[in-house]
Structure formats: structure tokens, C-alpha cells
Amino acid sequence: MACRDDGFHAARRRLRELLDKYGLAGTDFVNQLHRELYSADFLSEESKLDLTEWMAEVDYRLVEGGGEQIQLDALTARLVTHLKQ
């Protein structure tokens, strides 16, 4: 919900805080986000499908050696854009 209300920069800052606080790798965060996605009552089934595709793409790129920060920023940007619609 913070993505929708506060925008990209706030969401990005909160993501960095979570990763630092809990010592998570990017793939760990994406996997946890995926587990929590289906309990999000405020999202339609179509939105959940779109988000799952985006998370799979980001996870693949992270595993293949893509830069963690840029991949997570791209996912955050997509989330913010999608939720603001």
C-alpha cells in the first residue's frame, strides 16, 4: 500500500530499509513477496498474475547475475505504476 500512497522514492527507501534490517538478499525478498502476494485482498486476480510474472523475471535476472539494486528498483517501479492505476 505504501507504493500506491507514497510513490516510488518512499517505496524504494522502505525496501532498502527492509533488506538492510533483516539482511535479505534480493532473491529472498522476491520469494517472500511472492509468498505474501496471494493474501493481498486489495489486488485483483489479474494484478496478482501480472505481479507474479514480474517477480519471476526479476528473480531470473538476479540468479543470472543481474545487479540487485537495479532489478529491485525496476520491480518497485512496476509495482508503483501498477498500483497507481
C-alpha atoms as a PDB file:
ATOM      1  CA  MET A   1       0.000   0.000   0.000  1.00  0.00           C
ATOM      2  CA  ALA A   2       2.900   2.353   0.631  1.00  0.00           C
ATOM      3  CA  CYS A   3       3.786   2.060  -3.058  1.00  0.00           C
ATOM      4  CA  ARG A   4       0.411   3.427  -4.049  1.00  0.00           C
ATOM      5  CA  ASP A   5       0.207   6.165  -1.433  1.00  0.00           C
ATOM      6  CA  ASP A   6       3.771   7.459  -1.211  1.00  0.00           C
ATOM      7  CA  GLY A   7       5.285   6.773  -4.629  1.00  0.00           C
ATOM      8  CA  PHE A   8       8.495   5.285  -5.909  1.00  0.00           C
ATOM      9  CA  HIS A   9      11.102   7.024  -3.764  1.00  0.00           C
ATOM     10  CA  ALA A  10       9.399   6.179  -0.474  1.00  0.00           C
ATOM     11  CA  ALA A  11       8.804   2.584  -1.559  1.00  0.00           C
ATOM     12  CA  ARG A  12      12.426   2.231  -2.653  1.00  0.00           C
ATOM     13  CA  ARG A  13      13.650   3.641   0.649  1.00  0.00           C
ATOM     14  CA  ARG A  14      11.429   1.224   2.611  1.00  0.00           C
ATOM     15  CA  LEU A  15      12.659  -1.693   0.538  1.00  0.00           C
ATOM     16  CA  ARG A  16      16.291  -0.785   1.261  1.00  0.00           C
ATOM     17  CA  GLU A  17      15.467  -0.496   4.990  1.00  0.00           C
ATOM     18  CA  LEU A  18      13.880  -3.964   4.985  1.00  0.00           C
ATOM     19  CA  LEU A  19      16.795  -5.539   3.150  1.00  0.00           C
ATOM     20  CA  ASP A  20      19.308  -3.923   5.497  1.00  0.00           C
ATOM     21  CA  LYS A  21      17.358  -4.595   8.699  1.00  0.00           C
ATOM     22  CA  TYR A  22      16.792  -8.280   8.023  1.00  0.00           C
ATOM     23  CA  GLY A  23      19.898  -8.952   5.948  1.00  0.00           C
ATOM     24  CA  LEU A  24      17.913 -10.215   2.980  1.00  0.00           C
ATOM     25  CA  ALA A  25      19.258 -10.842  -0.481  1.00  0.00           C
ATOM     26  CA  GLY A  26      17.203  -9.661  -3.438  1.00  0.00           C
ATOM     27  CA  THR A  27      16.068 -13.196  -4.284  1.00  0.00           C
ATOM     28  CA  ASP A  28      14.965 -13.731  -0.676  1.00  0.00           C
ATOM     29  CA  PHE A  29      12.840 -10.605  -0.836  1.00  0.00           C
ATOM     30  CA  VAL A  30      11.261 -11.553  -4.166  1.00  0.00           C
ATOM     31  CA  ASN A  31      10.458 -15.044  -2.852  1.00  0.00           C
ATOM     32  CA  GLN A  32       8.864 -13.642   0.322  1.00  0.00           C
ATOM     33  CA  LEU A  33       6.894 -11.102  -1.697  1.00  0.00           C
ATOM     34  CA  HIS A  34       5.628 -13.933  -3.881  1.00  0.00           C
ATOM     35  CA  ARG A  35       4.502 -15.925  -0.820  1.00  0.00           C
ATOM     36  CA  GLU A  36       2.604 -12.930   0.557  1.00  0.00           C
ATOM     37  CA  LEU A  37       1.051 -11.880  -2.746  1.00  0.00           C
ATOM     38  CA  TYR A  38      -1.890 -14.247  -2.619  1.00  0.00           C
ATOM     39  CA  SER A  39      -3.122 -12.979   0.729  1.00  0.00           C
ATOM     40  CA  ALA A  40      -3.314  -9.400  -0.604  1.00  0.00           C
ATOM     41  CA  ASP A  41      -7.062  -8.799  -0.677  1.00  0.00           C
ATOM     42  CA  PHE A  42      -6.730  -5.371  -2.312  1.00  0.00           C
ATOM     43  CA  LEU A  43      -5.379  -6.860  -5.570  1.00  0.00           C
ATOM     44  CA  SER A  44      -7.418  -8.432  -8.338  1.00  0.00           C
ATOM     45  CA  GLU A  45      -6.519 -11.865  -9.697  1.00  0.00           C
ATOM     46  CA  GLU A  46      -5.266 -10.232 -12.898  1.00  0.00           C
ATOM     47  CA  SER A  47      -2.979  -7.946 -10.898  1.00  0.00           C
ATOM     48  CA  LYS A  48      -1.627 -10.900  -8.959  1.00  0.00           C
ATOM     49  CA  LEU A  49      -0.846 -12.692 -12.218  1.00  0.00           C
ATOM     50  CA  ASP A  50       0.956  -9.640 -13.610  1.00  0.00           C
ATOM     51  CA  LEU A  51       2.967  -9.212 -10.428  1.00  0.00           C
ATOM     52  CA  THR A  52       3.906 -12.888 -10.406  1.00  0.00           C
ATOM     53  CA  GLU A  53       5.278 -12.575 -13.945  1.00  0.00           C
ATOM     54  CA  TRP A  54       7.304  -9.512 -12.980  1.00  0.00           C
ATOM     55  CA  MET A  55       8.676 -11.193  -9.877  1.00  0.00           C
ATOM     56  CA  ALA A  56       9.677 -14.263 -11.912  1.00  0.00           C
ATOM     57  CA  GLU A  57      11.524 -12.058 -14.394  1.00  0.00           C
ATOM     58  CA  VAL A  58      13.364 -10.185 -11.647  1.00  0.00           C
ATOM     59  CA  ASP A  59      14.209 -13.413  -9.807  1.00  0.00           C
ATOM     60  CA  TYR A  60      15.611 -14.932 -13.007  1.00  0.00           C
ATOM     61  CA  ARG A  61      17.750 -11.877 -13.674  1.00  0.00           C
ATOM     62  CA  LEU A  62      19.048 -11.847 -10.107  1.00  0.00           C
ATOM     63  CA  VAL A  63      20.004 -15.516 -10.278  1.00  0.00           C
ATOM     64  CA  GLU A  64      21.745 -14.938 -13.613  1.00  0.00           C
ATOM     65  CA  GLY A  65      23.894 -12.182 -12.103  1.00  0.00           C
ATOM     66  CA  GLY A  66      21.894  -9.030 -12.777  1.00  0.00           C
ATOM     67  CA  GLY A  67      22.562  -6.097 -10.483  1.00  0.00           C
ATOM     68  CA  GLU A  68      20.435  -6.448  -7.365  1.00  0.00           C
ATOM     69  CA  GLN A  69      19.680  -2.776  -6.839  1.00  0.00           C
ATOM     70  CA  ILE A  70      18.620  -2.081 -10.420  1.00  0.00           C
ATOM     71  CA  GLN A  71      16.467  -5.220 -10.577  1.00  0.00           C
ATOM     72  CA  LEU A  72      14.682  -4.436  -7.307  1.00  0.00           C
ATOM     73  CA  ASP A  73      14.256  -0.806  -8.364  1.00  0.00           C
ATOM     74  CA  ALA A  74      12.679  -1.998 -11.622  1.00  0.00           C
ATOM     75  CA  LEU A  75      10.286  -4.242  -9.700  1.00  0.00           C
ATOM     76  CA  THR A  76       9.434  -1.396  -7.326  1.00  0.00           C
ATOM     77  CA  ALA A  77       8.780   0.938 -10.266  1.00  0.00           C
ATOM     78  CA  ARG A  78       6.451  -1.602 -11.854  1.00  0.00           C
ATOM     79  CA  LEU A  79       4.610  -2.107  -8.575  1.00  0.00           C
ATOM     80  CA  VAL A  80       4.140   1.618  -8.034  1.00  0.00           C
ATOM     81  CA  THR A  81       2.975   2.168 -11.612  1.00  0.00           C
ATOM     82  CA  HIS A  82       0.581  -0.760 -11.468  1.00  0.00           C
ATOM     83  CA  LEU A  83      -0.899   0.171  -8.088  1.00  0.00           C
ATOM     84  CA  LYS A  84      -1.460   3.823  -9.043  1.00  0.00           C
ATOM     85  CA  GLN A  85      -3.722   2.837 -11.948  1.00  0.00           C
END
